[in-house]
Amino acid sequence: MDTSTTSITVRLREFEFGDEDFQALRRLVRDVTGISLSEQKRELVYGRLARRLRALNLRSFREYRELLARDEHGELVQFCNAITTNLTAFFREPHHFEHLRDEVLLPMVQNPPPQRRVRIWSAGCSTGEEPYSIAMTVLETIPEIERWDIKILATDLDSDVVEKARRGIYTAERLQALSAERRERFFTPFPEAREPSFKVKPELARLLTVKQLNLMHPFPMRGPLDVIFCRNVVIYFDKETQRDLIARMSRLQRPGDLLFLGHSETLFKVSNDYALIGRTIYRRS
């Protein structure tokens, strides 16, 4: 008689991770960052934080939670860095940069405002590809840039990616999506890196101010901001947090100023301060 066996693979965890651990960490993420983690993020939380337990030589998530409560050695910052997602690329969602060029910057060039002042905020800048894409768009569009007062603020919660953005060094692979002309104009080889890499040139870097910022905290800037890029950020927040964040952003903008969101984000039932004028492009009402 033929017999068959069904093998069942049981995934064994290195650390015990009970529901009490997950719910406590979930609440902490919500309180500190505003990010709402669904039940489906349980494995993601375990995977990312298990690395912290190993790095700290801890034996359990209970020990890790106790360490977070004491906030020893700045671990709360490392905790936030581990949880937040930092997927980005140069000129991601290119229609936003085209709109910035055609509908914001070119009209300014054709009819310069008295002060020639432009302020742009990249909220959730990750490792810097977004704000540097903004800066490239600015430099390609506005001649005699030295006659303008242009500043791009780039912020992120994650202190590690903020430092990477500040350094402005990228592997050759990260630059593959850029045209040869852009690579030549805006980047220079960085031979000190372990793999072929390039560093942003000073003309690009000088447009940026890169800072760590928790969007749940009061904003340090006063505005007004001509353009805000807040892409693939609010999707992680619950509706109440979204409403509060967008309301505070709207107070930094004048009627006619622009807000860009990510491809899967919307202000429907979130804010009446903005009108949808294009694909995830909003104008301050």
Protein backbone atom coordinates (compact mmCIF):
# COMPACT_ATOMS: atom_id res chain seq x y z
CA MET A 1 0.00 0.00 0.00
CA ASP A 2 1.32 3.44 -0.97
CA THR A 3 1.58 5.94 1.77
CA SER A 4 2.22 9.62 1.52
CA THR A 5 3.30 12.05 4.14
CA THR A 6 2.65 15.72 4.34
CA SER A 7 5.46 17.70 5.85
CA ILE A 8 4.46 20.76 7.80
CA THR A 9 7.10 23.39 8.25
CA VAL A 10 6.71 25.31 11.45
CA ARG A 11 8.45 28.64 11.42
CA LEU A 12 10.36 28.97 14.63
CA ARG A 13 11.10 32.44 15.87
CA GLU A 14 14.40 33.34 17.40
CA PHE A 15 12.58 35.48 19.98
CA GLU A 16 9.17 34.93 21.54
CA PHE A 17 6.80 37.55 20.13
CA GLY A 18 3.39 37.45 21.73
CA ASP A 19 0.31 39.57 21.11
CA GLU A 20 1.15 41.68 24.17
CA ASP A 21 4.50 42.56 22.58
CA PHE A 22 2.98 43.44 19.22
CA GLN A 23 0.17 45.55 20.64
CA ALA A 24 2.52 47.45 22.95
CA LEU A 25 4.95 48.20 20.13
CA ARG A 26 2.07 49.10 17.84
CA ARG A 27 0.83 51.67 20.35
CA LEU A 28 4.33 53.07 20.73
CA VAL A 29 4.72 53.46 16.96
CA ARG A 30 1.38 55.29 16.86
CA ASP A 31 2.25 57.57 19.78
CA VAL A 32 5.74 58.48 18.56
CA THR A 33 5.38 58.60 14.77
CA GLY A 34 1.64 58.75 14.10
CA ILE A 35 1.92 55.63 11.92
CA SER A 36 -0.95 53.17 12.29
CA LEU A 37 0.21 49.58 11.86
CA SER A 38 -2.41 47.04 10.83
CA GLU A 39 -2.57 43.48 12.14
CA GLN A 40 -1.01 42.40 8.85
CA LYS A 41 2.24 44.20 9.83
CA ARG A 42 2.96 41.77 12.68
CA GLU A 43 5.68 39.88 10.77
CA LEU A 44 7.20 43.11 9.49
CA VAL A 45 7.47 44.47 13.04
CA TYR A 46 9.05 41.25 14.27
CA GLY A 47 11.52 41.05 11.40
CA ARG A 48 12.74 44.62 11.67
CA LEU A 49 12.95 44.75 15.46
CA ALA A 50 14.54 41.32 15.86
CA ARG A 51 17.64 42.92 14.32
CA ARG A 52 17.66 45.48 17.13
CA LEU A 53 17.41 42.73 19.76
CA ARG A 54 20.43 40.99 18.23
CA ALA A 55 22.41 44.22 18.02
CA LEU A 56 21.67 44.97 21.68
CA ASN A 57 22.22 41.38 22.87
CA LEU A 58 18.72 41.21 24.33
CA ARG A 59 16.93 37.96 25.03
CA SER A 60 13.30 38.96 24.61
CA PHE A 61 10.91 41.59 23.31
CA ARG A 62 9.92 42.26 26.92
CA GLU A 63 13.49 43.40 27.61
CA TYR A 64 13.40 45.53 24.47
CA ARG A 65 10.13 47.15 25.50
CA GLU A 66 11.59 47.95 28.93
CA LEU A 67 14.64 49.50 27.27
CA LEU A 68 12.38 51.63 25.04
CA ALA A 69 10.43 52.79 28.09
CA ARG A 70 13.69 54.02 29.60
CA ASP A 71 14.85 55.31 26.18
CA GLU A 72 18.40 54.23 26.94
CA HIS A 73 21.16 55.08 24.47
CA GLY A 74 18.72 56.86 22.17
CA GLU A 75 17.08 53.55 21.26
CA LEU A 76 13.74 55.24 20.56
CA VAL A 77 15.36 56.84 17.51
CA GLN A 78 16.68 53.47 16.32
CA PHE A 79 13.24 51.98 16.92
CA CYS A 80 11.63 54.60 14.65
CA ASN A 81 14.35 54.13 12.04
CA ALA A 82 13.71 50.38 11.97
CA ILE A 83 9.95 50.69 11.55
CA THR A 84 9.70 53.44 8.95
CA THR A 85 9.82 52.52 5.27
CA ASN A 86 12.21 54.32 2.92
CA LEU A 87 11.39 53.30 -0.65
CA THR A 88 12.41 56.06 -3.05
CA ALA A 89 13.99 56.82 -6.42
CA PHE A 90 15.06 59.79 -8.49
CA PHE A 91 12.10 61.39 -10.33
CA ARG A 92 9.64 58.87 -8.92
CA GLU A 93 6.14 59.73 -10.21
CA PRO A 94 7.62 62.01 -12.89
CA HIS A 95 4.37 63.87 -13.63
CA HIS A 96 4.82 65.77 -10.35
CA PHE A 97 8.18 67.16 -11.46
CA GLU A 98 6.77 68.00 -14.87
CA HIS A 99 3.93 69.92 -13.20
CA LEU A 100 6.40 71.69 -10.92
CA ARG A 101 8.39 72.73 -13.99
CA ASP A 102 5.53 73.69 -16.30
CA GLU A 103 2.97 75.15 -13.90
CA VAL A 104 5.10 76.65 -11.12
CA LEU A 105 8.65 77.39 -12.18
CA LEU A 106 8.27 78.37 -15.85
CA PRO A 107 5.52 80.93 -15.09
CA MET A 108 7.82 82.42 -12.45
CA VAL A 109 10.65 82.67 -14.98
CA GLN A 110 8.35 84.36 -17.49
CA ASN A 111 6.92 86.76 -14.92
CA PRO A 112 9.34 86.92 -11.96
CA PRO A 113 7.82 87.84 -8.59
CA PRO A 114 9.35 90.93 -6.95
CA GLN A 115 11.39 88.98 -4.40
CA ARG A 116 12.13 85.97 -6.65
CA ARG A 117 11.53 83.81 -3.60
CA VAL A 118 10.65 80.10 -3.81
CA ARG A 119 10.20 77.72 -0.88
CA ILE A 120 9.67 73.97 -1.35
CA TRP A 121 9.34 71.31 1.35
CA SER A 122 10.04 67.60 0.81
CA ALA A 123 8.30 66.02 3.82
CA GLY A 124 9.46 62.42 4.17
CA CYS A 125 12.54 62.91 2.00
CA SER A 126 14.05 59.47 2.77
CA THR A 127 17.61 59.19 1.42
CA GLY A 128 17.29 62.37 -0.63
CA GLU A 129 16.33 61.26 -4.13
CA GLU A 130 13.10 63.29 -4.04
CA PRO A 131 14.53 66.67 -2.91
CA TYR A 132 17.52 66.32 -5.23
CA SER A 133 15.08 65.62 -8.09
CA ILE A 134 13.29 68.84 -7.12
CA ALA A 135 16.61 70.69 -7.11
CA MET A 136 17.52 69.33 -10.55
CA THR A 137 14.15 70.48 -11.87
CA VAL A 138 14.76 73.94 -10.42
CA LEU A 139 18.25 74.25 -11.92
CA GLU A 140 17.12 73.00 -15.32
CA THR A 141 14.22 75.46 -15.43
CA ILE A 142 15.46 78.69 -13.87
CA PRO A 143 18.36 80.49 -15.56
CA GLU A 144 20.59 82.82 -13.56
CA ILE A 145 19.73 80.91 -10.39
CA GLU A 146 21.99 83.23 -8.37
CA ARG A 147 19.43 86.00 -8.85
CA TRP A 148 16.77 83.95 -7.05
CA ASP A 149 16.13 83.15 -3.40
CA ILE A 150 15.31 79.45 -3.62
CA LYS A 151 15.40 76.99 -0.73
CA ILE A 152 14.35 73.34 -0.56
CA LEU A 153 13.74 71.91 2.91
CA ALA A 154 14.15 68.13 3.10
CA THR A 155 12.99 66.37 6.28
CA ASP A 156 12.47 62.83 7.51
CA LEU A 157 11.82 61.09 10.79
CA ASP A 158 14.60 58.53 10.21
CA SER A 159 17.94 59.96 11.37
CA ASP A 160 19.90 57.42 9.30
CA VAL A 161 18.32 58.36 5.98
CA VAL A 162 18.58 62.06 6.85
CA GLU A 163 22.33 61.63 7.14
CA LYS A 164 22.45 59.81 3.80
CA ALA A 165 20.46 62.61 2.17
CA ARG A 166 22.78 65.17 3.71
CA ARG A 167 25.85 63.39 2.31
CA GLY A 168 24.30 63.05 -1.15
CA ILE A 169 26.31 59.99 -2.20
CA TYR A 170 24.61 57.37 -4.39
CA THR A 171 25.72 54.15 -6.06
CA ALA A 172 25.89 53.98 -9.83
CA GLU A 173 22.91 51.63 -9.72
CA ARG A 174 20.76 54.31 -8.03
CA LEU A 175 21.60 56.74 -10.84
CA GLN A 176 20.75 54.39 -13.71
CA ALA A 177 17.29 55.92 -14.20
CA LEU A 178 18.80 59.36 -14.77
CA SER A 179 19.76 60.55 -18.24
CA ALA A 180 23.45 60.77 -19.11
CA GLU A 181 23.07 64.55 -19.25
CA ARG A 182 21.76 64.74 -15.70
CA ARG A 183 24.41 62.40 -14.34
CA GLU A 184 27.11 64.49 -16.00
CA ARG A 185 25.75 67.84 -14.90
CA PHE A 186 24.73 67.12 -11.33
CA PHE A 187 27.00 64.32 -10.05
CA THR A 188 30.71 63.71 -9.74
CA PRO A 189 32.50 60.35 -9.14
CA PHE A 190 33.13 59.51 -5.49
CA PRO A 191 36.11 57.13 -5.51
CA GLU A 192 36.25 56.75 -1.70
CA ALA A 193 33.16 54.48 -1.73
CA ARG A 194 33.45 50.68 -1.73
CA GLU A 195 31.42 50.39 -4.94
CA PRO A 196 31.11 52.77 -7.91
CA SER A 197 29.37 55.83 -6.48
CA PHE A 198 28.68 59.46 -7.21
CA LYS A 199 28.22 62.57 -5.07
CA VAL A 200 25.89 65.46 -5.82
CA LYS A 201 27.68 68.56 -7.04
CA PRO A 202 27.72 71.74 -4.90
CA GLU A 203 25.26 73.60 -7.14
CA LEU A 204 22.68 70.93 -6.32
CA ALA A 205 23.55 70.51 -2.64
CA ARG A 206 23.45 74.22 -1.84
CA LEU A 207 19.74 74.40 -2.63
CA LEU A 208 18.92 71.88 0.12
CA THR A 209 18.60 72.11 3.87
CA VAL A 210 18.27 68.59 5.32
CA LYS A 211 16.82 68.12 8.80
CA GLN A 212 15.32 65.42 10.98
CA LEU A 213 11.67 66.16 11.71
CA ASN A 214 8.84 64.20 13.30
CA LEU A 215 5.66 65.28 11.52
CA MET A 216 3.73 64.69 14.73
CA HIS A 217 5.63 67.53 16.40
CA PRO A 218 5.03 71.26 15.85
CA PHE A 219 6.58 72.49 12.61
CA PRO A 220 9.64 74.71 13.12
CA MET A 221 9.14 76.59 9.83
CA ARG A 222 6.77 79.50 9.39
CA GLY A 223 6.13 79.50 5.65
CA PRO A 224 4.73 80.42 3.28
CA LEU A 225 5.64 77.36 1.22
CA ASP A 226 5.00 77.46 -2.50
CA VAL A 227 5.08 73.68 -2.85
CA ILE A 228 4.93 70.75 -0.45
CA PHE A 229 5.87 67.22 -1.50
CA CYS A 230 4.31 64.85 1.03
CA ARG A 231 4.27 61.65 -0.96
CA ASN A 232 3.67 58.16 0.42
CA VAL A 233 3.61 59.54 3.96
CA VAL A 234 -0.02 60.07 5.00
CA ILE A 235 -0.95 56.57 3.83
CA TYR A 236 0.61 55.27 7.06
CA PHE A 237 -1.55 57.48 9.30
CA ASP A 238 -5.12 57.03 10.46
CA LYS A 239 -7.74 59.54 9.33
CA GLU A 240 -7.58 61.64 12.48
CA THR A 241 -3.81 62.01 12.20
CA GLN A 242 -4.10 62.76 8.48
CA ARG A 243 -6.60 65.54 9.13
CA ASP A 244 -4.40 67.13 11.77
CA LEU A 245 -1.26 66.90 9.63
CA ILE A 246 -2.85 68.33 6.49
CA ALA A 247 -4.52 71.13 8.49
CA ARG A 248 -1.12 72.16 9.89
CA MET A 249 0.42 71.99 6.42
CA SER A 250 -2.33 74.11 4.94
CA ARG A 251 -1.55 76.87 7.42
CA LEU A 252 1.93 77.09 5.87
CA GLN A 253 0.51 77.72 2.40
CA ARG A 254 -1.34 80.50 0.60
CA PRO A 255 -4.24 80.08 -1.82
CA GLY A 256 -2.80 78.74 -5.05
CA ASP A 257 0.16 76.93 -3.47
CA LEU A 258 0.56 73.24 -4.29
CA LEU A 259 0.59 69.95 -2.38
CA PHE A 260 1.77 66.71 -4.02
CA LEU A 261 0.69 63.37 -2.52
CA GLY A 262 1.68 59.79 -3.34
CA HIS A 263 0.03 57.74 -6.07
CA SER A 264 -2.31 55.90 -3.68
CA GLU A 265 -3.14 58.83 -1.38
CA THR A 266 -6.11 61.18 -1.34
CA LEU A 267 -7.53 64.08 0.67
CA PHE A 268 -11.09 62.77 0.29
CA LYS A 269 -12.76 63.18 3.70
CA VAL A 270 -9.44 64.44 5.03
CA SER A 271 -9.31 68.13 4.12
CA ASN A 272 -11.40 70.80 2.41
CA ASP A 273 -8.45 73.19 2.31
CA TYR A 274 -7.25 71.83 -1.04
CA ALA A 275 -8.79 71.22 -4.47
CA LEU A 276 -7.67 68.31 -6.65
CA ILE A 277 -6.29 69.71 -9.93
CA GLY A 278 -4.39 66.71 -11.32
CA ARG A 279 -3.21 63.21 -10.54
CA THR A 280 -2.49 63.47 -6.78
CA ILE A 281 -1.85 67.21 -7.24
CA TYR A 282 -3.73 69.59 -4.94
CA ARG A 283 -4.02 73.37 -4.90
CA ARG A 284 -4.55 75.31 -1.67
CA SER A 285 -8.07 76.75 -1.82
